[in-house]
Amino acid sequence: MNEMGAAALSPPAGTLDRDSLVEGILRLKSERAAILLAHYYQDAEIQDIADFVGDSLELAKAAQRADAKVIAFCGVRFMAEVAKILNPAADVLIPDLEAGCSLEESCPPDAFARWRASFPGAVAVTYINCSAAVKALSDVIVTSSSAERIVRQIPADKTILFAPDRHLGAYLVRVTGREMVLWPGTCIVHEQFSHKALVELKLEHPDALVAAHPECPEPILAEADHVGSTSSILRFVQESSGSEFLIATEPGIIHQMEKLAPGKRFIAVPGGSGECACNVCPYMRRNTLTNLYACLRDGAPRLELAEELRLAALKPLQRMLEMAAAPAAGRG
């Protein structure tokens, strides 16, 4: 069905209740031959209707292999850009183009280019939480689940520049032993986790295990029994013999934990003073059933990239996928 037909037959989103929105989304998805991809940090009601839910690396792979005319991406803008870079034949829709990322905003392309130029011969290893323009200026992209494996493959005589997350970069320095020059960016969610609140929770729940994302500051990671990407944390809680877990990442992941590890208890570590919703990503939560419905109905907002930029950003992303699949190097 063309866009005019879909819009004409679909009522305004504001007139629909939740069940009608879900029914409309599933119908429009079928009519547009669309696939719906969602990050673990999306609201549970979006995760439950997605065709695939994953972390950044898993979503990149899913977007690349998607055989669909339309990819509706419920995540943040840089993730939708990755989908378009890897699958240019598909129309990539995102419910809210203002769903950005504090890490992306902390690393403007012009400033990144100047920073990189000041270290001639260095290898720019850049976290996927950045714009397509910054990716195009990088040598290899990493995700939190692939970063350690990829860093270990960089020749020992090369200086490594790591941007934009300084906490993830510092964690990689500790676990790989490789010195790196770090960009000073941070995630507004993971930066806010309260060490005091975490310690208090550990006292209240002495048998609980702590799982933390490496974007967290070092004091949080020092308390953790497991540090890893969202997919790694999800595997940890499933495979662990523990029954109670303190989770130091965006609490959207807890929905999948409760589905995949029923009978276990998951407690979100609070951010800030413990009295705010600082542990919830405001960018991820801009996507709602209402604007997802409108997005599929209207075929917009649509993510567009200039072909020259897409091709330049494609190279370091392809390198990421190749290096992430390579055999793990020895630990040093």
C-alpha atoms as a PDB file:
ATOM      1  CA  MET A   1       0.000   0.000   0.000  1.00  0.00           C
ATOM      2  CA  ASN A   2       1.314   3.487  -0.805  1.00  0.00           C
ATOM      3  CA  GLU A   3       1.741   6.153   1.860  1.00  0.00           C
ATOM      4  CA  MET A   4      -1.401   8.032   0.900  1.00  0.00           C
ATOM      5  CA  GLY A   5      -3.436   4.814   1.109  1.00  0.00           C
ATOM      6  CA  ALA A   6      -2.035   3.869   4.504  1.00  0.00           C
ATOM      7  CA  ALA A   7      -2.706   7.337   5.902  1.00  0.00           C
ATOM      8  CA  ALA A   8      -6.202   7.529   4.455  1.00  0.00           C
ATOM      9  CA  LEU A   9      -7.294   4.233   6.005  1.00  0.00           C
ATOM     10  CA  SER A  10      -5.651   4.801   9.399  1.00  0.00           C
ATOM     11  CA  PRO A  11      -7.330   6.949  12.070  1.00  0.00           C
ATOM     12  CA  PRO A  12      -5.358   9.655  13.931  1.00  0.00           C
ATOM     13  CA  ALA A  13      -3.087   8.202  16.609  1.00  0.00           C
ATOM     14  CA  GLY A  14      -4.552  10.458  19.294  1.00  0.00           C
ATOM     15  CA  THR A  15      -7.967   8.830  18.920  1.00  0.00           C
ATOM     16  CA  LEU A  16      -6.756   5.304  19.662  1.00  0.00           C
ATOM     17  CA  ASP A  17      -6.369   3.417  22.927  1.00  0.00           C
ATOM     18  CA  ARG A  18      -3.375   1.157  23.612  1.00  0.00           C
ATOM     19  CA  ASP A  19      -4.877  -2.030  22.157  1.00  0.00           C
ATOM     20  CA  SER A  20      -6.008  -0.188  19.024  1.00  0.00           C
ATOM     21  CA  LEU A  21      -2.536   1.342  18.618  1.00  0.00           C
ATOM     22  CA  VAL A  22      -0.919  -2.102  18.829  1.00  0.00           C
ATOM     23  CA  GLU A  23      -3.417  -3.533  16.354  1.00  0.00           C
ATOM     24  CA  GLY A  24      -2.833  -0.607  14.001  1.00  0.00           C
ATOM     25  CA  ILE A  25       0.963  -0.880  14.246  1.00  0.00           C
ATOM     26  CA  LEU A  26       0.897  -4.590  13.404  1.00  0.00           C
ATOM     27  CA  ARG A  27      -1.457  -3.956  10.475  1.00  0.00           C
ATOM     28  CA  LEU A  28       0.594  -1.080   9.090  1.00  0.00           C
ATOM     29  CA  LYS A  29       3.802  -3.048   9.537  1.00  0.00           C
ATOM     30  CA  SER A  30       2.339  -5.827   7.398  1.00  0.00           C
ATOM     31  CA  GLU A  31       1.003  -3.416   4.770  1.00  0.00           C
ATOM     32  CA  ARG A  32       4.376  -1.708   4.411  1.00  0.00           C
ATOM     33  CA  ALA A  33       6.352  -4.988   4.443  1.00  0.00           C
ATOM     34  CA  ALA A  34       8.228  -3.509   7.387  1.00  0.00           C
ATOM     35  CA  ILE A  35      10.390  -5.023  10.104  1.00  0.00           C
ATOM     36  CA  LEU A  36      10.361  -3.491  13.570  1.00  0.00           C
ATOM     37  CA  LEU A  37      13.690  -3.381  15.431  1.00  0.00           C
ATOM     38  CA  ALA A  38      13.858  -2.247  19.056  1.00  0.00           C
ATOM     39  CA  HIS A  39      16.615  -1.698  21.592  1.00  0.00           C
ATOM     40  CA  TYR A  40      16.468  -3.241  25.053  1.00  0.00           C
ATOM     41  CA  TYR A  41      16.013   0.264  26.503  1.00  0.00           C
ATOM     42  CA  GLN A  42      12.638   0.818  24.841  1.00  0.00           C
ATOM     43  CA  ASP A  43       9.391   0.662  26.804  1.00  0.00           C
ATOM     44  CA  ALA A  44       8.121  -2.879  27.378  1.00  0.00           C
ATOM     45  CA  GLU A  45       5.066  -2.335  25.163  1.00  0.00           C
ATOM     46  CA  ILE A  46       7.342  -1.585  22.186  1.00  0.00           C
ATOM     47  CA  GLN A  47       9.679  -4.493  22.922  1.00  0.00           C
ATOM     48  CA  ASP A  48       6.709  -6.857  22.973  1.00  0.00           C
ATOM     49  CA  ILE A  49       5.635  -6.065  19.398  1.00  0.00           C
ATOM     50  CA  ALA A  50       9.101  -5.822  17.856  1.00  0.00           C
ATOM     51  CA  ASP A  51      10.336  -8.410  15.379  1.00  0.00           C
ATOM     52  CA  PHE A  52      13.782  -8.235  16.970  1.00  0.00           C
ATOM     53  CA  VAL A  53      15.030  -6.799  20.268  1.00  0.00           C
ATOM     54  CA  GLY A  54      18.743  -6.433  20.914  1.00  0.00           C
ATOM     55  CA  ASP A  55      21.774  -4.343  21.803  1.00  0.00           C
ATOM     56  CA  SER A  56      23.650  -2.099  19.372  1.00  0.00           C
ATOM     57  CA  LEU A  57      25.754  -4.877  17.813  1.00  0.00           C
ATOM     58  CA  GLU A  58      22.824  -7.269  17.509  1.00  0.00           C
ATOM     59  CA  LEU A  59      20.632  -4.545  15.993  1.00  0.00           C
ATOM     60  CA  ALA A  60      23.333  -3.609  13.476  1.00  0.00           C
ATOM     61  CA  LYS A  61      23.514  -7.223  12.332  1.00  0.00           C
ATOM     62  CA  ALA A  62      19.717  -7.499  12.225  1.00  0.00           C
ATOM     63  CA  ALA A  63      19.465  -4.325  10.130  1.00  0.00           C
ATOM     64  CA  GLN A  64      22.143  -5.546   7.730  1.00  0.00           C
ATOM     65  CA  ARG A  65      20.410  -8.852   7.069  1.00  0.00           C
ATOM     66  CA  ALA A  66      16.837  -7.480   7.078  1.00  0.00           C
ATOM     67  CA  ASP A  67      15.003  -8.412   3.890  1.00  0.00           C
ATOM     68  CA  ALA A  68      12.310  -5.770   4.186  1.00  0.00           C
ATOM     69  CA  LYS A  69      11.245  -2.686   2.262  1.00  0.00           C
ATOM     70  CA  VAL A  70      10.989  -0.716   5.494  1.00  0.00           C
ATOM     71  CA  ILE A  71      12.922  -0.832   8.767  1.00  0.00           C
ATOM     72  CA  ALA A  72      11.049   0.858  11.599  1.00  0.00           C
ATOM     73  CA  PHE A  73      13.727   1.515  14.206  1.00  0.00           C
ATOM     74  CA  CYS A  74      12.769   2.040  17.826  1.00  0.00           C
ATOM     75  CA  GLY A  75      16.004   3.207  19.331  1.00  0.00           C
ATOM     76  CA  VAL A  76      17.919   6.447  18.960  1.00  0.00           C
ATOM     77  CA  ARG A  77      18.989   8.323  15.856  1.00  0.00           C
ATOM     78  CA  PHE A  78      22.541   6.983  15.559  1.00  0.00           C
ATOM     79  CA  MET A  79      21.137   3.435  15.565  1.00  0.00           C
ATOM     80  CA  ALA A  80      18.766   4.281  12.732  1.00  0.00           C
ATOM     81  CA  GLU A  81      21.717   5.787  10.856  1.00  0.00           C
ATOM     82  CA  VAL A  82      23.604   2.505  11.258  1.00  0.00           C
ATOM     83  CA  ALA A  83      20.621   0.640   9.819  1.00  0.00           C
ATOM     84  CA  LYS A  84      20.593   2.930   6.776  1.00  0.00           C
ATOM     85  CA  ILE A  85      24.363   2.682   6.339  1.00  0.00           C
ATOM     86  CA  LEU A  86      24.267  -1.121   6.379  1.00  0.00           C
ATOM     87  CA  ASN A  87      21.012  -1.555   4.451  1.00  0.00           C
ATOM     88  CA  PRO A  88      20.666   1.387   2.033  1.00  0.00           C
ATOM     89  CA  ALA A  89      17.913  -0.247  -0.040  1.00  0.00           C
ATOM     90  CA  ALA A  90      15.471  -0.123   2.872  1.00  0.00           C
ATOM     91  CA  ASP A  91      13.511   2.920   3.967  1.00  0.00           C
ATOM     92  CA  VAL A  92      14.540   3.494   7.585  1.00  0.00           C
ATOM     93  CA  LEU A  93      11.854   5.102   9.742  1.00  0.00           C
ATOM     94  CA  ILE A  94      12.323   6.372  13.298  1.00  0.00           C
ATOM     95  CA  PRO A  95       9.320   7.465  15.374  1.00  0.00           C
ATOM     96  CA  ASP A  96      11.081  10.597  16.658  1.00  0.00           C
ATOM     97  CA  LEU A  97      14.096  12.159  14.935  1.00  0.00           C
ATOM     98  CA  GLU A  98      14.833  14.028  18.172  1.00  0.00           C
ATOM     99  CA  ALA A  99      15.666  10.717  19.866  1.00  0.00           C
ATOM    100  CA  GLY A 100      19.353  11.545  20.100  1.00  0.00           C
ATOM    101  CA  CYS A 101      22.161  10.496  22.439  1.00  0.00           C
ATOM    102  CA  SER A 102      24.218  12.463  24.936  1.00  0.00           C
ATOM    103  CA  LEU A 103      27.382  10.671  23.793  1.00  0.00           C
ATOM    104  CA  GLU A 104      26.725  11.629  20.180  1.00  0.00           C
ATOM    105  CA  GLU A 105      26.092  15.232  21.229  1.00  0.00           C
ATOM    106  CA  SER A 106      29.334  15.302  23.235  1.00  0.00           C
ATOM    107  CA  CYS A 107      31.402  14.571  20.116  1.00  0.00           C
ATOM    108  CA  PRO A 108      30.780  17.059  17.271  1.00  0.00           C
ATOM    109  CA  PRO A 109      32.382  15.994  13.965  1.00  0.00           C
ATOM    110  CA  ASP A 110      34.501  19.153  13.567  1.00  0.00           C
ATOM    111  CA  ALA A 111      35.950  18.849  17.073  1.00  0.00           C
ATOM    112  CA  PHE A 112      36.546  15.124  16.586  1.00  0.00           C
ATOM    113  CA  ALA A 113      38.369  15.790  13.299  1.00  0.00           C
ATOM    114  CA  ARG A 114      40.671  18.323  14.982  1.00  0.00           C
ATOM    115  CA  TRP A 115      41.319  15.953  17.885  1.00  0.00           C
ATOM    116  CA  ARG A 116      42.165  13.090  15.570  1.00  0.00           C
ATOM    117  CA  ALA A 117      44.447  15.263  13.428  1.00  0.00           C
ATOM    118  CA  SER A 118      46.498  16.114  16.526  1.00  0.00           C
ATOM    119  CA  PHE A 119      47.549  12.438  16.809  1.00  0.00           C
ATOM    120  CA  PRO A 120      48.933  11.539  13.361  1.00  0.00           C
ATOM    121  CA  GLY A 121      49.254   7.809  12.783  1.00  0.00           C
ATOM    122  CA  ALA A 122      46.892   6.892  15.634  1.00  0.00           C
ATOM    123  CA  VAL A 123      44.026   4.439  15.212  1.00  0.00           C
ATOM    124  CA  ALA A 124      40.618   5.988  15.905  1.00  0.00           C
ATOM    125  CA  VAL A 125      38.494   3.367  17.677  1.00  0.00           C
ATOM    126  CA  THR A 126      35.077   4.930  18.071  1.00  0.00           C
ATOM    127  CA  TYR A 127      32.075   3.770  20.077  1.00  0.00           C
ATOM    128  CA  ILE A 128      28.966   3.264  17.965  1.00  0.00           C
ATOM    129  CA  ASN A 129      27.156   5.949  20.026  1.00  0.00           C
ATOM    130  CA  CYS A 130      28.206   8.705  17.625  1.00  0.00           C
ATOM    131  CA  SER A 131      26.978  10.380  14.455  1.00  0.00           C
ATOM    132  CA  ALA A 132      27.486   9.018  10.945  1.00  0.00           C
ATOM    133  CA  ALA A 133      29.854  11.961  10.340  1.00  0.00           C
ATOM    134  CA  VAL A 134      32.093  10.882  13.244  1.00  0.00           C
ATOM    135  CA  LYS A 135      31.963   7.267  12.090  1.00  0.00           C
ATOM    136  CA  ALA A 136      33.179   8.423   8.689  1.00  0.00           C
ATOM    137  CA  LEU A 137      36.251   9.953  10.359  1.00  0.00           C
ATOM    138  CA  SER A 138      37.043   6.761  12.314  1.00  0.00           C
ATOM    139  CA  ASP A 139      39.092   3.643  11.569  1.00  0.00           C
ATOM    140  CA  VAL A 140      36.871   1.118  13.314  1.00  0.00           C
ATOM    141  CA  ILE A 141      33.600   1.289  15.236  1.00  0.00           C
ATOM    142  CA  VAL A 142      32.965  -0.763  18.375  1.00  0.00           C
ATOM    143  CA  THR A 143      29.987  -1.601  20.546  1.00  0.00           C
ATOM    144  CA  SER A 144      30.173  -2.371  24.250  1.00  0.00           C
ATOM    145  CA  SER A 145      29.872  -6.080  23.403  1.00  0.00           C
ATOM    146  CA  SER A 146      32.631  -6.041  20.756  1.00  0.00           C
ATOM    147  CA  ALA A 147      35.020  -3.375  22.075  1.00  0.00           C
ATOM    148  CA  GLU A 148      37.409  -5.553  24.080  1.00  0.00           C
ATOM    149  CA  ARG A 149      37.757  -8.121  21.298  1.00  0.00           C
ATOM    150  CA  ILE A 150      38.461  -5.382  18.745  1.00  0.00           C
ATOM    151  CA  VAL A 151      40.900  -3.385  20.899  1.00  0.00           C
ATOM    152  CA  ARG A 152      42.947  -6.534  21.449  1.00  0.00           C
ATOM    153  CA  GLN A 153      43.406  -6.789  17.671  1.00  0.00           C
ATOM    154  CA  ILE A 154      44.926  -3.314  17.269  1.00  0.00           C
ATOM    155  CA  PRO A 155      48.718  -3.596  16.699  1.00  0.00           C
ATOM    156  CA  ALA A 156      50.661  -2.929  19.887  1.00  0.00           C
ATOM    157  CA  ASP A 157      52.772  -0.210  18.271  1.00  0.00           C
ATOM    158  CA  LYS A 158      49.724   1.905  17.392  1.00  0.00           C
ATOM    159  CA  THR A 159      48.361   4.730  19.536  1.00  0.00           C
ATOM    160  CA  ILE A 160      44.644   4.240  20.118  1.00  0.00           C
ATOM    161  CA  LEU A 161      42.199   7.131  20.249  1.00  0.00           C
ATOM    162  CA  PHE A 162      38.917   6.180  21.901  1.00  0.00           C
ATOM    163  CA  ALA A 163      35.751   8.289  21.685  1.00  0.00           C
ATOM    164  CA  PRO A 164      33.272   9.366  22.847  1.00  0.00           C
ATOM    165  CA  ASP A 165      32.679   7.503  26.156  1.00  0.00           C
ATOM    166  CA  ARG A 166      35.507   7.979  28.657  1.00  0.00           C
ATOM    167  CA  HIS A 167      34.099   5.457  31.146  1.00  0.00           C
ATOM    168  CA  LEU A 168      33.939   2.666  28.570  1.00  0.00           C
ATOM    169  CA  GLY A 169      37.401   3.726  27.389  1.00  0.00           C
ATOM    170  CA  ALA A 170      38.812   3.611  30.927  1.00  0.00           C
ATOM    171  CA  TYR A 171      37.262   0.185  31.452  1.00  0.00           C
ATOM    172  CA  LEU A 172      38.915  -1.080  28.249  1.00  0.00           C
ATOM    173  CA  VAL A 173      42.269   0.268  29.412  1.00  0.00           C
ATOM    174  CA  ARG A 174      41.901  -1.711  32.641  1.00  0.00           C
ATOM    175  CA  VAL A 175      40.854  -5.011  31.056  1.00  0.00           C
ATOM    176  CA  THR A 176      43.170  -4.964  28.015  1.00  0.00           C
ATOM    177  CA  GLY A 177      46.207  -3.149  29.435  1.00  0.00           C
ATOM    178  CA  ARG A 178      46.290  -0.920  26.346  1.00  0.00           C
ATOM    179  CA  GLU A 179      46.864   2.757  26.947  1.00  0.00           C
ATOM    180  CA  MET A 180      44.432   4.951  25.026  1.00  0.00           C
ATOM    181  CA  VAL A 181      43.776   8.634  24.542  1.00  0.00           C
ATOM    182  CA  LEU A 182      40.194   9.172  25.692  1.00  0.00           C
ATOM    183  CA  TRP A 183      37.577  11.649  24.524  1.00  0.00           C
ATOM    184  CA  PRO A 184      35.844  13.144  27.601  1.00  0.00           C
ATOM    185  CA  GLY A 185      32.219  12.248  26.777  1.00  0.00           C
ATOM    186  CA  THR A 186      29.807  10.378  29.069  1.00  0.00           C
ATOM    187  CA  CYS A 187      26.311   8.913  28.933  1.00  0.00           C
ATOM    188  CA  ILE A 188      23.868  11.040  30.938  1.00  0.00           C
ATOM    189  CA  VAL A 189      22.141   7.888  32.199  1.00  0.00           C
ATOM    190  CA  HIS A 190      25.115   5.736  33.212  1.00  0.00           C
ATOM    191  CA  GLU A 191      26.991   8.764  34.582  1.00  0.00           C
ATOM    192  CA  GLN A 192      24.166   9.336  37.063  1.00  0.00           C
ATOM    193  CA  PHE A 193      24.081   6.004  38.844  1.00  0.00           C
ATOM    194  CA  SER A 194      24.468   6.587  42.560  1.00  0.00           C
ATOM    195  CA  HIS A 195      27.343   4.742  44.228  1.00  0.00           C
ATOM    196  CA  LYS A 196      25.829   5.520  47.621  1.00  0.00           C
ATOM    197  CA  ALA A 197      22.468   4.046  46.593  1.00  0.00           C
ATOM    198  CA  LEU A 198      24.165   0.961  45.162  1.00  0.00           C
ATOM    199  CA  VAL A 199      26.092   0.338  48.389  1.00  0.00           C
ATOM    200  CA  GLU A 200      22.896   0.760  50.408  1.00  0.00           C
ATOM    201  CA  LEU A 201      21.083  -1.694  48.135  1.00  0.00           C
ATOM    202  CA  LYS A 202      23.890  -4.232  48.590  1.00  0.00           C
ATOM    203  CA  LEU A 203      23.481  -3.948  52.351  1.00  0.00           C
ATOM    204  CA  GLU A 204      19.712  -4.438  52.050  1.00  0.00           C
ATOM    205  CA  HIS A 205      20.151  -7.366  49.634  1.00  0.00           C
ATOM    206  CA  PRO A 206      23.384  -9.091  50.704  1.00  0.00           C
ATOM    207  CA  ASP A 207      22.885 -12.084  48.401  1.00  0.00           C
ATOM    208  CA  ALA A 208      22.146  -9.983  45.313  1.00  0.00           C
ATOM    209  CA  LEU A 209      24.615  -9.925  42.427  1.00  0.00           C
ATOM    210  CA  VAL A 210      25.447  -6.635  40.722  1.00  0.00           C
ATOM    211  CA  ALA A 211      25.469  -6.346  36.922  1.00  0.00           C
ATOM    212  CA  ALA A 212      26.699  -3.090  35.379  1.00  0.00           C
ATOM    213  CA  HIS A 213      27.219  -1.617  31.931  1.00  0.00           C
ATOM    214  CA  PRO A 214      30.786  -0.420  31.199  1.00  0.00           C
ATOM    215  CA  GLU A 215      29.494   3.096  30.484  1.00  0.00           C
ATOM    216  CA  CYS A 216      29.135   3.436  34.265  1.00  0.00           C
ATOM    217  CA  PRO A 217      31.826   5.276  36.289  1.00  0.00           C
ATOM    218  CA  GLU A 218      34.568   3.131  37.840  1.00  0.00           C
ATOM    219  CA  PRO A 219      33.160   3.214  41.426  1.00  0.00           C
ATOM    220  CA  ILE A 220      29.991   1.517  40.134  1.00  0.00           C
ATOM    221  CA  LEU A 221      31.967  -1.036  38.126  1.00  0.00           C
ATOM    222  CA  ALA A 222      34.126  -1.803  41.172  1.00  0.00           C
ATOM    223  CA  GLU A 223      30.990  -3.027  42.980  1.00  0.00           C
ATOM    224  CA  ALA A 224      29.882  -5.253  40.101  1.00  0.00           C
ATOM    225  CA  ASP A 225      29.945  -9.022  39.890  1.00  0.00           C
ATOM    226  CA  HIS A 226      29.529  -8.745  36.127  1.00  0.00           C
ATOM    227  CA  VAL A 227      30.373  -5.907  33.725  1.00  0.00           C
ATOM    228  CA  GLY A 228      29.141  -6.121  30.153  1.00  0.00           C
ATOM    229  CA  SER A 229      26.907  -4.931  27.371  1.00  0.00           C
ATOM    230  CA  THR A 230      23.145  -5.203  27.669  1.00  0.00           C
ATOM    231  CA  SER A 231      23.152  -8.564  25.884  1.00  0.00           C
ATOM    232  CA  SER A 232      25.996  -9.783  28.106  1.00  0.00           C
ATOM    233  CA  ILE A 233      24.141  -8.705  31.250  1.00  0.00           C
ATOM    234  CA  LEU A 234      21.037 -10.478  29.977  1.00  0.00           C
ATOM    235  CA  ARG A 235      22.997 -13.722  29.503  1.00  0.00           C
ATOM    236  CA  PHE A 236      24.582 -13.335  32.938  1.00  0.00           C
ATOM    237  CA  VAL A 237      21.290 -13.160  34.812  1.00  0.00           C
ATOM    238  CA  GLN A 238      19.933 -16.136  32.882  1.00  0.00           C
ATOM    239  CA  GLU A 239      22.973 -18.343  33.445  1.00  0.00           C
ATOM    240  CA  SER A 240      23.788 -17.305  37.010  1.00  0.00           C
ATOM    241  CA  SER A 241      22.625 -19.453  39.911  1.00  0.00           C
ATOM    242  CA  GLY A 242      21.752 -16.244  41.766  1.00  0.00           C
ATOM    243  CA  SER A 243      18.128 -15.320  42.338  1.00  0.00           C
ATOM    244  CA  GLU A 244      18.408 -11.564  42.969  1.00  0.00           C
ATOM    245  CA  PHE A 245      20.233  -8.936  40.922  1.00  0.00           C
ATOM    246  CA  LEU A 246      20.985  -5.227  41.158  1.00  0.00           C
ATOM    247  CA  ILE A 247      20.991  -3.787  37.648  1.00  0.00           C
ATOM    248  CA  ALA A 248      23.145  -0.747  36.809  1.00  0.00           C
ATOM    249  CA  THR A 249      22.028   0.070  33.305  1.00  0.00           C
ATOM    250  CA  GLU A 250      18.886   1.554  31.755  1.00  0.00           C
ATOM    251  CA  PRO A 251      15.963  -0.319  33.365  1.00  0.00           C
ATOM    252  CA  GLY A 252      14.252  -1.125  30.065  1.00  0.00           C
ATOM    253  CA  ILE A 253      16.408  -4.263  29.980  1.00  0.00           C
ATOM    254  CA  ILE A 254      14.618  -5.597  33.069  1.00  0.00           C
ATOM    255  CA  HIS A 255      11.549  -6.399  30.969  1.00  0.00           C
ATOM    256  CA  GLN A 256      13.566  -8.934  28.971  1.00  0.00           C
ATOM    257  CA  MET A 257      15.175 -10.275  32.148  1.00  0.00           C
ATOM    258  CA  GLU A 258      11.776 -10.962  33.682  1.00  0.00           C
ATOM    259  CA  LYS A 259      10.662 -12.733  30.507  1.00  0.00           C
ATOM    260  CA  LEU A 260      13.813 -14.842  30.083  1.00  0.00           C
ATOM    261  CA  ALA A 261      14.606 -15.519  33.747  1.00  0.00           C
ATOM    262  CA  PRO A 262      11.225 -15.854  35.466  1.00  0.00           C
ATOM    263  CA  GLY A 263      11.304 -16.354  39.193  1.00  0.00           C
ATOM    264  CA  LYS A 264      14.361 -14.160  39.665  1.00  0.00           C
ATOM    265  CA  ARG A 265      14.193 -10.659  41.123  1.00  0.00           C
ATOM    266  CA  PHE A 266      15.716  -7.622  39.410  1.00  0.00           C
ATOM    267  CA  ILE A 267      16.215  -4.296  41.162  1.00  0.00           C
ATOM    268  CA  ALA A 268      17.145  -1.188  39.161  1.00  0.00           C
ATOM    269  CA  VAL A 269      19.969   0.826  40.715  1.00  0.00           C
ATOM    270  CA  PRO A 270      18.699   4.415  41.027  1.00  0.00           C
ATOM    271  CA  GLY A 271      20.414   7.452  39.615  1.00  0.00           C
ATOM    272  CA  GLY A 272      21.167  10.811  41.188  1.00  0.00           C
ATOM    273  CA  SER A 273      19.764  11.129  44.697  1.00  0.00           C
ATOM    274  CA  GLY A 274      17.694   8.009  44.218  1.00  0.00           C
ATOM    275  CA  GLU A 275      14.550  10.133  44.075  1.00  0.00           C
ATOM    276  CA  CYS A 276      14.557  10.909  40.342  1.00  0.00           C
ATOM    277  CA  ALA A 277      14.144   8.924  37.131  1.00  0.00           C
ATOM    278  CA  CYS A 278      17.788   9.594  36.214  1.00  0.00           C
ATOM    279  CA  ASN A 279      18.323   5.923  35.358  1.00  0.00           C
ATOM    280  CA  VAL A 280      15.824   6.174  32.473  1.00  0.00           C
ATOM    281  CA  CYS A 281      17.152   7.349  29.098  1.00  0.00           C
ATOM    282  CA  PRO A 282      15.025  10.341  28.038  1.00  0.00           C
ATOM    283  CA  TYR A 283      16.066   9.878  24.404  1.00  0.00           C
ATOM    284  CA  MET A 284      15.068   6.213  24.154  1.00  0.00           C
ATOM    285  CA  ARG A 285      11.725   6.920  25.780  1.00  0.00           C
ATOM    286  CA  ARG A 286      10.805   9.519  23.130  1.00  0.00           C
ATOM    287  CA  ASN A 287       9.592   6.572  21.078  1.00  0.00           C
ATOM    288  CA  THR A 288       6.026   5.622  22.010  1.00  0.00           C
ATOM    289  CA  LEU A 289       3.259   3.471  20.601  1.00  0.00           C
ATOM    290  CA  THR A 290       1.552   6.663  19.454  1.00  0.00           C
ATOM    291  CA  ASN A 291       4.414   8.041  17.395  1.00  0.00           C
ATOM    292  CA  LEU A 292       5.405   4.567  16.151  1.00  0.00           C
ATOM    293  CA  TYR A 293       1.866   4.184  14.807  1.00  0.00           C
ATOM    294  CA  ALA A 294       2.026   7.624  13.158  1.00  0.00           C
ATOM    295  CA  CYS A 295       5.474   6.837  11.745  1.00  0.00           C
ATOM    296  CA  LEU A 296       4.260   3.658  10.053  1.00  0.00           C
ATOM    297  CA  ARG A 297       1.054   5.330   8.911  1.00  0.00           C
ATOM    298  CA  ASP A 298       2.825   8.308   7.316  1.00  0.00           C
ATOM    299  CA  GLY A 299       6.111   6.690   6.262  1.00  0.00           C
ATOM    300  CA  ALA A 300       7.922   9.447   8.173  1.00  0.00           C
ATOM    301  CA  PRO A 301      10.148  10.584   9.769  1.00  0.00           C
ATOM    302  CA  ARG A 302      12.487   8.853   7.325  1.00  0.00           C
ATOM    303  CA  LEU A 303      16.216   8.690   7.967  1.00  0.00           C
ATOM    304  CA  GLU A 304      18.196  10.039   5.007  1.00  0.00           C
ATOM    305  CA  LEU A 305      21.969  10.069   4.496  1.00  0.00           C
ATOM    306  CA  ALA A 306      24.046  11.489   1.658  1.00  0.00           C
ATOM    307  CA  GLU A 307      25.581   8.588  -0.264  1.00  0.00           C
ATOM    308  CA  GLU A 308      29.121   9.916   0.105  1.00  0.00           C
ATOM    309  CA  LEU A 309      28.697  10.052   3.882  1.00  0.00           C
ATOM    310  CA  ARG A 310      27.048   6.640   3.979  1.00  0.00           C
ATOM    311  CA  LEU A 311      29.924   5.012   2.087  1.00  0.00           C
ATOM    312  CA  ALA A 312      32.542   6.697   4.267  1.00  0.00           C
ATOM    313  CA  ALA A 313      30.782   5.545   7.465  1.00  0.00           C
ATOM    314  CA  LEU A 314      30.259   2.055   6.036  1.00  0.00           C
ATOM    315  CA  LYS A 315      33.984   1.203   6.019  1.00  0.00           C
ATOM    316  CA  PRO A 316      34.609   1.377   9.789  1.00  0.00           C
ATOM    317  CA  LEU A 317      31.283  -0.367  10.460  1.00  0.00           C
ATOM    318  CA  GLN A 318      32.231  -3.220   8.140  1.00  0.00           C
ATOM    319  CA  ARG A 319      35.586  -3.398   9.888  1.00  0.00           C
ATOM    320  CA  MET A 320      33.727  -3.686  13.205  1.00  0.00           C
ATOM    321  CA  LEU A 321      31.629  -6.593  11.974  1.00  0.00           C
ATOM    322  CA  GLU A 322      34.702  -8.374  10.590  1.00  0.00           C
ATOM    323  CA  MET A 323      36.828  -7.859  13.706  1.00  0.00           C
ATOM    324  CA  ALA A 324      33.978  -8.736  16.071  1.00  0.00           C
ATOM    325  CA  ALA A 325      33.695 -12.091  14.301  1.00  0.00           C
ATOM    326  CA  ALA A 326      37.448 -12.787  14.396  1.00  0.00           C
ATOM    327  CA  PRO A 327      38.898 -15.275  16.934  1.00  0.00           C
ATOM    328  CA  ALA A 328      39.612 -13.642  20.290  1.00  0.00           C
ATOM    329  CA  ALA A 329      43.204 -12.506  20.805  1.00  0.00           C
ATOM    330  CA  GLY A 330      45.124 -13.554  23.887  1.00  0.00           C
ATOM    331  CA  ARG A 331      44.543 -11.540  27.041  1.00  0.00           C
ATOM    332  CA  GLY A 332      47.368  -9.189  27.844  1.00  0.00           C
END
